[in-house]
Amino acid sequence: MHKVQFVRISLQPDKLLVGMTAEMSVASDATPNLWRRFMPRRREIHNTVSEVLYCVQSFSALGGFENFTPETIFEKWAAVEVARGSCIPDKMQLFTLRGGHFAVFDHSGPLSEFPKTLNFIFSDWLPQSAWQLDDREHFEMLLPGWRADDPNASEEVWIPVKSDEKNRESYQQ
């Protein structure tokens, strides 16, 4: 059963990730291929901070999220967080996930229901909040054991936000 819930606004520092990346669009989604390449090799990454997996979407380098369509090309990462000074395995890269404020949502349900979660965030929650979208990476945190086909799967969805100037007074931290 699909369920989405706003959890909190979180101020996060930069995170250092190591993983694999691919360019894609929603219309030509290559996410399963990216994860099939990454998962068998994730244990090669040393100095990991936790078992949490990061699925990161970077829109900035390829034109931004402002005029996003299903055909917009963006960069997607399959990665784990590492401590500074980590050795990077062959055919993987280091990536800095930029810190700042994030709106955090819980998505429960299979991956096939994820578009409903995004629709709620961008069509319902964001326009009614005291926040606006920031030009930083969007990401999901996947806990150990997460599976795309699990009807009870749960993940955290992190959306970069900044204070909406006109509504600044209405937000209380």
N, C-alpha and C. Protein backbone atom coordinates (compact mmCIF):
# COMPACT_ATOMS: atom_id res chain seq x y z
N MET A 1 0.83 -1.17 0.00
CA MET A 1 0.00 0.00 0.00
C MET A 1 0.88 1.25 0.00
N HIS A 2 0.58 2.20 -0.85
CA HIS A 2 1.35 3.44 -0.97
C HIS A 2 0.99 4.41 0.13
N LYS A 3 2.03 5.02 0.72
CA LYS A 3 1.83 6.03 1.73
C LYS A 3 3.01 7.00 1.67
N VAL A 4 2.72 8.30 1.77
CA VAL A 4 3.77 9.30 1.82
C VAL A 4 3.44 10.26 2.95
N GLN A 5 4.49 10.66 3.67
CA GLN A 5 4.27 11.53 4.81
C GLN A 5 5.44 12.49 4.94
N PHE A 6 5.12 13.78 5.12
CA PHE A 6 6.16 14.77 5.43
C PHE A 6 6.65 14.48 6.84
N VAL A 7 7.97 14.46 7.01
CA VAL A 7 8.54 14.13 8.31
C VAL A 7 9.11 15.36 9.01
N ARG A 8 9.99 16.09 8.28
CA ARG A 8 10.67 17.20 8.93
C ARG A 8 11.46 18.01 7.91
N ILE A 9 11.91 19.18 8.35
CA ILE A 9 12.93 19.94 7.63
C ILE A 9 14.24 19.66 8.35
N SER A 10 15.26 19.26 7.62
CA SER A 10 16.54 18.89 8.22
C SER A 10 17.66 19.72 7.60
N LEU A 11 18.51 20.27 8.44
CA LEU A 11 19.70 20.99 7.99
C LEU A 11 20.86 20.02 8.05
N GLN A 12 21.44 19.70 6.88
CA GLN A 12 22.49 18.69 6.78
C GLN A 12 23.80 19.29 6.30
N PRO A 13 24.93 18.78 6.81
CA PRO A 13 26.22 19.19 6.26
C PRO A 13 26.47 18.46 4.94
N ASP A 14 27.52 18.83 4.23
CA ASP A 14 27.92 18.09 3.04
C ASP A 14 28.18 16.64 3.43
N LYS A 15 27.92 15.73 2.49
CA LYS A 15 28.22 14.31 2.69
C LYS A 15 29.13 13.88 1.56
N LEU A 16 30.09 13.06 1.88
CA LEU A 16 31.01 12.52 0.89
C LEU A 16 30.54 11.12 0.51
N LEU A 17 30.27 10.92 -0.79
CA LEU A 17 29.78 9.64 -1.27
C LEU A 17 30.77 9.03 -2.26
N VAL A 18 30.75 7.72 -2.35
CA VAL A 18 31.48 7.00 -3.39
C VAL A 18 30.47 6.08 -4.06
N GLY A 19 30.50 6.08 -5.39
CA GLY A 19 29.57 5.23 -6.10
C GLY A 19 29.75 5.30 -7.60
N MET A 20 28.70 4.92 -8.29
CA MET A 20 28.67 4.91 -9.75
C MET A 20 27.58 5.86 -10.23
N THR A 21 27.78 6.39 -11.43
CA THR A 21 26.84 7.36 -11.96
C THR A 21 26.47 7.02 -13.40
N ALA A 22 25.32 7.53 -13.82
CA ALA A 22 24.87 7.37 -15.21
C ALA A 22 23.97 8.55 -15.54
N GLU A 23 24.02 8.99 -16.78
CA GLU A 23 23.09 10.02 -17.25
C GLU A 23 21.85 9.33 -17.79
N MET A 24 20.69 9.92 -17.48
CA MET A 24 19.42 9.32 -17.91
C MET A 24 18.33 10.37 -17.84
N SER A 25 17.14 9.99 -18.24
CA SER A 25 15.94 10.81 -18.08
C SER A 25 14.87 9.92 -17.48
N VAL A 26 13.78 10.52 -17.08
CA VAL A 26 12.66 9.71 -16.58
C VAL A 26 12.11 8.85 -17.72
N ALA A 27 12.06 9.44 -18.92
CA ALA A 27 11.53 8.72 -20.09
C ALA A 27 12.42 7.53 -20.49
N SER A 28 13.72 7.66 -20.28
CA SER A 28 14.64 6.56 -20.58
C SER A 28 15.40 6.20 -19.30
N ASP A 29 14.66 5.73 -18.32
CA ASP A 29 15.19 5.43 -16.99
C ASP A 29 16.11 4.22 -17.02
N ALA A 30 17.34 4.43 -16.58
CA ALA A 30 18.32 3.34 -16.54
C ALA A 30 18.72 3.01 -15.10
N THR A 31 17.86 3.38 -14.15
CA THR A 31 18.17 3.17 -12.74
C THR A 31 18.44 1.70 -12.40
N PRO A 32 17.61 0.75 -12.85
CA PRO A 32 17.91 -0.65 -12.51
C PRO A 32 19.29 -1.10 -13.00
N ASN A 33 19.70 -0.66 -14.19
CA ASN A 33 21.03 -1.03 -14.69
C ASN A 33 22.13 -0.45 -13.82
N LEU A 34 21.96 0.80 -13.39
CA LEU A 34 22.95 1.44 -12.53
C LEU A 34 23.11 0.65 -11.24
N TRP A 35 22.02 0.28 -10.60
CA TRP A 35 22.09 -0.47 -9.35
C TRP A 35 22.62 -1.89 -9.55
N ARG A 36 22.33 -2.50 -10.70
CA ARG A 36 22.89 -3.84 -10.99
C ARG A 36 24.41 -3.78 -11.13
N ARG A 37 24.93 -2.66 -11.63
CA ARG A 37 26.39 -2.51 -11.73
C ARG A 37 27.01 -2.24 -10.36
N PHE A 38 26.31 -1.44 -9.55
CA PHE A 38 26.88 -0.99 -8.27
C PHE A 38 26.81 -2.03 -7.16
N MET A 39 25.68 -2.66 -6.96
CA MET A 39 25.47 -3.52 -5.79
C MET A 39 26.50 -4.64 -5.63
N PRO A 40 26.88 -5.35 -6.69
CA PRO A 40 27.87 -6.42 -6.48
C PRO A 40 29.25 -5.89 -6.05
N ARG A 41 29.49 -4.60 -6.25
CA ARG A 41 30.82 -4.03 -5.96
C ARG A 41 30.84 -3.11 -4.75
N ARG A 42 29.71 -2.90 -4.11
CA ARG A 42 29.67 -1.91 -3.03
C ARG A 42 30.58 -2.27 -1.86
N ARG A 43 30.84 -3.53 -1.64
CA ARG A 43 31.72 -3.96 -0.53
C ARG A 43 33.19 -3.61 -0.79
N GLU A 44 33.52 -3.22 -2.01
CA GLU A 44 34.89 -2.78 -2.33
C GLU A 44 35.18 -1.39 -1.75
N ILE A 45 34.13 -0.69 -1.35
CA ILE A 45 34.27 0.66 -0.81
C ILE A 45 34.56 0.55 0.69
N HIS A 46 35.69 1.11 1.10
CA HIS A 46 36.11 1.06 2.51
C HIS A 46 35.77 2.38 3.20
N ASN A 47 35.80 2.37 4.51
CA ASN A 47 35.51 3.55 5.34
C ASN A 47 34.07 4.04 5.16
N THR A 48 33.13 3.13 4.94
CA THR A 48 31.74 3.54 4.82
C THR A 48 31.23 4.00 6.20
N VAL A 49 30.33 4.95 6.18
CA VAL A 49 29.78 5.50 7.40
C VAL A 49 28.66 4.62 7.94
N SER A 50 27.88 4.00 7.04
CA SER A 50 26.76 3.13 7.45
C SER A 50 26.42 2.20 6.29
N GLU A 51 25.39 1.39 6.48
CA GLU A 51 24.90 0.48 5.45
C GLU A 51 23.85 1.13 4.54
N VAL A 52 23.51 2.38 4.82
CA VAL A 52 22.50 3.10 4.04
C VAL A 52 23.01 3.32 2.61
N LEU A 53 22.13 3.10 1.64
CA LEU A 53 22.44 3.36 0.24
C LEU A 53 21.82 4.69 -0.17
N TYR A 54 22.49 5.41 -1.04
CA TYR A 54 22.01 6.71 -1.52
C TYR A 54 21.71 6.62 -3.01
N CYS A 55 20.51 7.02 -3.38
CA CYS A 55 20.12 7.15 -4.78
C CYS A 55 19.97 8.65 -5.01
N VAL A 56 20.94 9.24 -5.72
CA VAL A 56 21.03 10.70 -5.85
C VAL A 56 20.73 11.13 -7.27
N GLN A 57 19.94 12.21 -7.41
CA GLN A 57 19.67 12.80 -8.70
C GLN A 57 20.26 14.21 -8.70
N SER A 58 21.14 14.47 -9.66
CA SER A 58 21.78 15.78 -9.79
C SER A 58 21.30 16.43 -11.08
N PHE A 59 20.59 17.53 -10.94
CA PHE A 59 20.03 18.24 -12.08
C PHE A 59 20.84 19.47 -12.46
N SER A 60 21.65 20.00 -11.54
CA SER A 60 22.36 21.27 -11.73
C SER A 60 23.30 21.28 -12.92
N ALA A 61 24.15 20.29 -13.02
CA ALA A 61 25.19 20.28 -14.06
C ALA A 61 24.61 20.15 -15.47
N LEU A 62 23.39 19.66 -15.57
CA LEU A 62 22.82 19.38 -16.88
C LEU A 62 21.58 20.24 -17.18
N GLY A 63 21.52 21.43 -16.61
CA GLY A 63 20.43 22.34 -16.95
C GLY A 63 19.47 22.67 -15.83
N GLY A 64 19.57 21.98 -14.70
CA GLY A 64 18.73 22.30 -13.56
C GLY A 64 17.36 21.67 -13.59
N PHE A 65 16.64 21.84 -12.49
CA PHE A 65 15.34 21.23 -12.30
C PHE A 65 14.20 22.15 -12.73
N GLU A 66 14.53 23.42 -12.94
CA GLU A 66 13.51 24.44 -13.19
C GLU A 66 12.60 24.11 -14.37
N ASN A 67 13.16 23.66 -15.48
CA ASN A 67 12.37 23.33 -16.67
C ASN A 67 12.32 21.82 -16.91
N PHE A 68 12.21 21.07 -15.83
CA PHE A 68 12.25 19.62 -15.88
C PHE A 68 11.06 19.04 -16.65
N THR A 69 11.35 18.09 -17.53
CA THR A 69 10.34 17.31 -18.24
C THR A 69 10.76 15.85 -18.16
N PRO A 70 9.92 14.91 -18.55
CA PRO A 70 10.34 13.51 -18.55
C PRO A 70 11.54 13.22 -19.46
N GLU A 71 11.82 14.11 -20.41
CA GLU A 71 12.95 13.91 -21.33
C GLU A 71 14.22 14.60 -20.86
N THR A 72 14.17 15.39 -19.78
CA THR A 72 15.33 16.10 -19.28
C THR A 72 16.40 15.11 -18.83
N ILE A 73 17.61 15.28 -19.33
CA ILE A 73 18.73 14.43 -18.95
C ILE A 73 19.30 14.92 -17.61
N PHE A 74 19.54 13.99 -16.69
CA PHE A 74 20.14 14.32 -15.41
C PHE A 74 21.12 13.21 -15.04
N GLU A 75 21.86 13.44 -13.97
CA GLU A 75 22.85 12.48 -13.51
C GLU A 75 22.30 11.76 -12.29
N LYS A 76 22.35 10.43 -12.30
CA LYS A 76 21.89 9.64 -11.16
C LYS A 76 23.06 8.87 -10.59
N TRP A 77 23.10 8.79 -9.28
CA TRP A 77 24.15 8.08 -8.56
C TRP A 77 23.58 6.94 -7.73
N ALA A 78 24.30 5.84 -7.67
CA ALA A 78 24.09 4.77 -6.70
C ALA A 78 25.35 4.82 -5.84
N ALA A 79 25.20 5.07 -4.53
CA ALA A 79 26.38 5.36 -3.73
C ALA A 79 26.19 5.02 -2.26
N VAL A 80 27.30 5.10 -1.52
CA VAL A 80 27.31 5.00 -0.06
C VAL A 80 28.10 6.16 0.49
N GLU A 81 27.80 6.54 1.74
CA GLU A 81 28.55 7.62 2.38
C GLU A 81 29.85 7.06 2.95
N VAL A 82 30.92 7.83 2.80
CA VAL A 82 32.22 7.42 3.30
C VAL A 82 32.82 8.52 4.17
N ALA A 83 33.79 8.09 5.00
CA ALA A 83 34.56 9.05 5.78
C ALA A 83 35.63 9.66 4.87
N ARG A 84 36.12 10.79 5.23
CA ARG A 84 37.18 11.44 4.43
C ARG A 84 38.38 10.51 4.31
N GLY A 85 39.09 10.63 3.20
CA GLY A 85 40.30 9.85 2.98
C GLY A 85 40.05 8.44 2.47
N SER A 86 38.87 8.18 1.98
CA SER A 86 38.55 6.85 1.49
C SER A 86 39.21 6.59 0.14
N CYS A 87 39.60 5.35 -0.07
CA CYS A 87 40.15 4.91 -1.36
C CYS A 87 38.98 4.64 -2.30
N ILE A 88 39.10 5.09 -3.54
CA ILE A 88 38.00 4.95 -4.50
C ILE A 88 38.28 3.76 -5.41
N PRO A 89 37.40 2.75 -5.41
CA PRO A 89 37.59 1.58 -6.28
C PRO A 89 37.55 1.97 -7.76
N ASP A 90 38.16 1.13 -8.57
CA ASP A 90 38.18 1.33 -10.02
C ASP A 90 36.76 1.44 -10.57
N LYS A 91 36.55 2.37 -11.49
CA LYS A 91 35.27 2.62 -12.16
C LYS A 91 34.20 3.16 -11.23
N MET A 92 34.62 3.70 -10.08
CA MET A 92 33.73 4.42 -9.19
C MET A 92 34.27 5.84 -9.04
N GLN A 93 33.44 6.71 -8.48
CA GLN A 93 33.83 8.11 -8.34
C GLN A 93 33.45 8.65 -6.96
N LEU A 94 34.15 9.71 -6.59
CA LEU A 94 33.85 10.44 -5.37
C LEU A 94 32.86 11.54 -5.72
N PHE A 95 31.90 11.78 -4.85
CA PHE A 95 30.86 12.78 -5.10
C PHE A 95 30.55 13.48 -3.79
N THR A 96 30.47 14.81 -3.82
CA THR A 96 30.08 15.57 -2.63
C THR A 96 28.61 15.96 -2.75
N LEU A 97 27.81 15.43 -1.86
CA LEU A 97 26.40 15.77 -1.78
C LEU A 97 26.33 17.06 -0.96
N ARG A 98 25.91 18.14 -1.61
CA ARG A 98 25.92 19.46 -0.98
C ARG A 98 24.89 19.56 0.15
N GLY A 99 25.33 20.07 1.25
CA GLY A 99 24.47 20.22 2.41
C GLY A 99 23.52 21.40 2.29
N GLY A 100 22.67 21.55 3.28
CA GLY A 100 21.69 22.61 3.34
C GLY A 100 20.40 22.08 3.93
N HIS A 101 19.32 22.82 3.75
CA HIS A 101 18.01 22.39 4.23
C HIS A 101 17.39 21.40 3.25
N PHE A 102 16.75 20.38 3.82
CA PHE A 102 16.03 19.38 3.02
C PHE A 102 14.67 19.13 3.66
N ALA A 103 13.66 18.99 2.83
CA ALA A 103 12.36 18.49 3.28
C ALA A 103 12.46 16.97 3.18
N VAL A 104 12.14 16.29 4.27
CA VAL A 104 12.29 14.84 4.34
C VAL A 104 10.90 14.20 4.40
N PHE A 105 10.70 13.21 3.53
CA PHE A 105 9.43 12.51 3.44
C PHE A 105 9.68 11.02 3.58
N ASP A 106 8.72 10.32 4.15
CA ASP A 106 8.74 8.85 4.17
C ASP A 106 7.87 8.36 3.03
N HIS A 107 8.45 7.54 2.17
CA HIS A 107 7.68 6.87 1.12
C HIS A 107 7.58 5.41 1.52
N SER A 108 6.35 4.90 1.61
CA SER A 108 6.13 3.48 1.90
C SER A 108 5.36 2.88 0.74
N GLY A 109 5.83 1.73 0.30
CA GLY A 109 5.19 1.03 -0.80
C GLY A 109 6.21 0.66 -1.85
N PRO A 110 5.77 -0.07 -2.86
CA PRO A 110 6.71 -0.50 -3.90
C PRO A 110 7.19 0.69 -4.74
N LEU A 111 8.30 0.50 -5.41
CA LEU A 111 8.88 1.55 -6.24
C LEU A 111 7.92 2.02 -7.33
N SER A 112 7.06 1.14 -7.79
CA SER A 112 6.09 1.51 -8.83
C SER A 112 5.14 2.62 -8.37
N GLU A 113 5.02 2.83 -7.06
CA GLU A 113 4.15 3.87 -6.50
C GLU A 113 4.91 5.18 -6.25
N PHE A 114 6.21 5.19 -6.51
CA PHE A 114 7.04 6.37 -6.23
C PHE A 114 6.58 7.63 -6.97
N PRO A 115 6.11 7.55 -8.22
CA PRO A 115 5.61 8.77 -8.88
C PRO A 115 4.49 9.46 -8.11
N LYS A 116 3.67 8.71 -7.39
CA LYS A 116 2.62 9.32 -6.57
C LYS A 116 3.23 10.15 -5.44
N THR A 117 4.32 9.65 -4.88
CA THR A 117 5.01 10.38 -3.82
C THR A 117 5.56 11.69 -4.36
N LEU A 118 6.22 11.62 -5.51
CA LEU A 118 6.77 12.85 -6.11
C LEU A 118 5.67 13.84 -6.45
N ASN A 119 4.55 13.35 -6.94
CA ASN A 119 3.43 14.22 -7.26
C ASN A 119 2.93 14.94 -6.00
N PHE A 120 2.82 14.21 -4.89
CA PHE A 120 2.40 14.83 -3.63
C PHE A 120 3.40 15.91 -3.22
N ILE A 121 4.69 15.61 -3.27
CA ILE A 121 5.71 16.56 -2.83
C ILE A 121 5.66 17.84 -3.67
N PHE A 122 5.70 17.70 -4.99
CA PHE A 122 5.84 18.87 -5.86
C PHE A 122 4.52 19.56 -6.20
N SER A 123 3.40 18.86 -6.16
CA SER A 123 2.11 19.48 -6.50
C SER A 123 1.31 19.91 -5.28
N ASP A 124 1.48 19.22 -4.16
CA ASP A 124 0.70 19.54 -2.97
C ASP A 124 1.54 20.20 -1.88
N TRP A 125 2.54 19.48 -1.37
CA TRP A 125 3.27 19.96 -0.21
C TRP A 125 4.08 21.23 -0.50
N LEU A 126 4.94 21.21 -1.51
CA LEU A 126 5.85 22.33 -1.76
C LEU A 126 5.12 23.65 -2.02
N PRO A 127 4.10 23.69 -2.89
CA PRO A 127 3.42 24.97 -3.14
C PRO A 127 2.73 25.55 -1.90
N GLN A 128 2.38 24.70 -0.93
CA GLN A 128 1.68 25.17 0.27
C GLN A 128 2.62 25.42 1.44
N SER A 129 3.90 25.12 1.27
CA SER A 129 4.86 25.26 2.36
C SER A 129 5.49 26.65 2.35
N ALA A 130 6.30 26.91 3.36
CA ALA A 130 7.07 28.15 3.44
C ALA A 130 8.46 27.96 2.82
N TRP A 131 8.57 26.98 1.93
CA TRP A 131 9.85 26.63 1.32
C TRP A 131 9.72 26.63 -0.19
N GLN A 132 10.86 26.79 -0.85
CA GLN A 132 10.90 26.63 -2.30
C GLN A 132 12.05 25.70 -2.66
N LEU A 133 11.97 25.13 -3.82
CA LEU A 133 12.98 24.18 -4.28
C LEU A 133 14.32 24.88 -4.41
N ASP A 134 15.37 24.22 -3.94
CA ASP A 134 16.74 24.74 -4.07
C ASP A 134 17.46 23.96 -5.15
N ASP A 135 18.46 24.58 -5.76
CA ASP A 135 19.21 23.96 -6.85
C ASP A 135 20.37 23.13 -6.30
N ARG A 136 20.02 22.03 -5.68
CA ARG A 136 20.99 21.05 -5.17
C ARG A 136 20.45 19.65 -5.48
N GLU A 137 21.19 18.66 -5.10
CA GLU A 137 20.83 17.28 -5.40
C GLU A 137 19.61 16.84 -4.60
N HIS A 138 18.78 16.02 -5.22
CA HIS A 138 17.67 15.32 -4.58
C HIS A 138 18.20 13.91 -4.29
N PHE A 139 17.73 13.28 -3.21
CA PHE A 139 18.19 11.91 -2.99
C PHE A 139 17.21 11.12 -2.15
N GLU A 140 17.38 9.80 -2.23
CA GLU A 140 16.64 8.87 -1.40
C GLU A 140 17.65 8.08 -0.58
N MET A 141 17.28 7.81 0.66
CA MET A 141 18.09 6.95 1.53
C MET A 141 17.38 5.61 1.64
N LEU A 142 18.08 4.56 1.24
CA LEU A 142 17.54 3.21 1.24
C LEU A 142 18.22 2.41 2.34
N LEU A 143 17.43 1.88 3.25
CA LEU A 143 17.99 1.11 4.36
C LEU A 143 18.35 -0.29 3.90
N PRO A 144 19.25 -0.97 4.64
CA PRO A 144 19.61 -2.35 4.27
C PRO A 144 18.37 -3.22 4.13
N GLY A 145 18.35 -4.04 3.10
CA GLY A 145 17.22 -4.94 2.86
C GLY A 145 16.14 -4.34 1.97
N TRP A 146 16.28 -3.07 1.59
CA TRP A 146 15.27 -2.43 0.74
C TRP A 146 15.21 -3.15 -0.59
N ARG A 147 13.98 -3.39 -1.08
CA ARG A 147 13.77 -4.01 -2.39
C ARG A 147 12.69 -3.23 -3.14
N ALA A 148 12.91 -3.00 -4.41
CA ALA A 148 12.00 -2.22 -5.24
C ALA A 148 10.61 -2.85 -5.35
N ASP A 149 10.53 -4.18 -5.28
CA ASP A 149 9.25 -4.86 -5.45
C ASP A 149 8.52 -5.15 -4.14
N ASP A 150 9.08 -4.74 -3.03
CA ASP A 150 8.49 -5.00 -1.72
C ASP A 150 7.31 -4.05 -1.48
N PRO A 151 6.09 -4.57 -1.31
CA PRO A 151 4.94 -3.69 -1.08
C PRO A 151 5.04 -2.91 0.23
N ASN A 152 5.91 -3.36 1.14
CA ASN A 152 6.09 -2.68 2.42
C ASN A 152 7.41 -1.92 2.50
N ALA A 153 8.06 -1.72 1.35
CA ALA A 153 9.34 -1.00 1.33
C ALA A 153 9.15 0.40 1.88
N SER A 154 10.19 0.90 2.52
CA SER A 154 10.15 2.24 3.07
C SER A 154 11.48 2.92 2.77
N GLU A 155 11.41 4.18 2.37
CA GLU A 155 12.63 4.94 2.11
C GLU A 155 12.39 6.39 2.46
N GLU A 156 13.46 7.10 2.74
CA GLU A 156 13.38 8.53 2.98
C GLU A 156 13.68 9.27 1.70
N VAL A 157 12.85 10.25 1.39
CA VAL A 157 13.01 11.08 0.20
C VAL A 157 13.43 12.46 0.68
N TRP A 158 14.60 12.94 0.21
CA TRP A 158 15.17 14.21 0.65
C TRP A 158 15.14 15.18 -0.53
N ILE A 159 14.40 16.28 -0.35
CA ILE A 159 14.23 17.30 -1.39
C ILE A 159 14.91 18.58 -0.92
N PRO A 160 15.85 19.14 -1.71
CA PRO A 160 16.55 20.36 -1.28
C PRO A 160 15.61 21.57 -1.31
N VAL A 161 15.57 22.30 -0.20
CA VAL A 161 14.70 23.46 -0.11
C VAL A 161 15.46 24.65 0.46
N LYS A 162 14.91 25.82 0.21
CA LYS A 162 15.41 27.06 0.82
C LYS A 162 14.18 27.85 1.25
N SER A 163 14.40 28.75 2.18
CA SER A 163 13.30 29.54 2.71
C SER A 163 12.67 30.37 1.60
N ASP A 164 11.35 30.36 1.56
CA ASP A 164 10.59 31.19 0.62
C ASP A 164 10.54 32.58 1.23
N GLU A 165 11.24 33.54 0.61
CA GLU A 165 11.37 34.90 1.16
C GLU A 165 10.03 35.50 1.58
N LYS A 166 9.01 35.36 0.78
CA LYS A 166 7.73 36.00 1.08
C LYS A 166 7.01 35.32 2.25
N ASN A 167 7.37 34.07 2.56
CA ASN A 167 6.72 33.36 3.65
C ASN A 167 7.65 33.12 4.84
N ARG A 168 8.80 33.79 4.86
CA ARG A 168 9.80 33.55 5.88
C ARG A 168 9.23 33.69 7.30
N GLU A 169 8.42 34.74 7.55
CA GLU A 169 7.89 34.97 8.88
C GLU A 169 6.93 33.87 9.33
N SER A 170 6.28 33.21 8.38
CA SER A 170 5.30 32.19 8.75
C SER A 170 5.94 30.88 9.17
N TYR A 171 7.24 30.72 8.88
CA TYR A 171 7.90 29.46 9.25
C TYR A 171 8.53 29.62 10.62
N GLN A 172 8.25 28.72 11.52
CA GLN A 172 8.87 28.70 12.83
C GLN A 172 9.62 27.41 12.98
N GLN A 173 10.90 27.52 13.32
CA GLN A 173 11.74 26.34 13.44
C GLN A 173 11.62 25.72 14.80
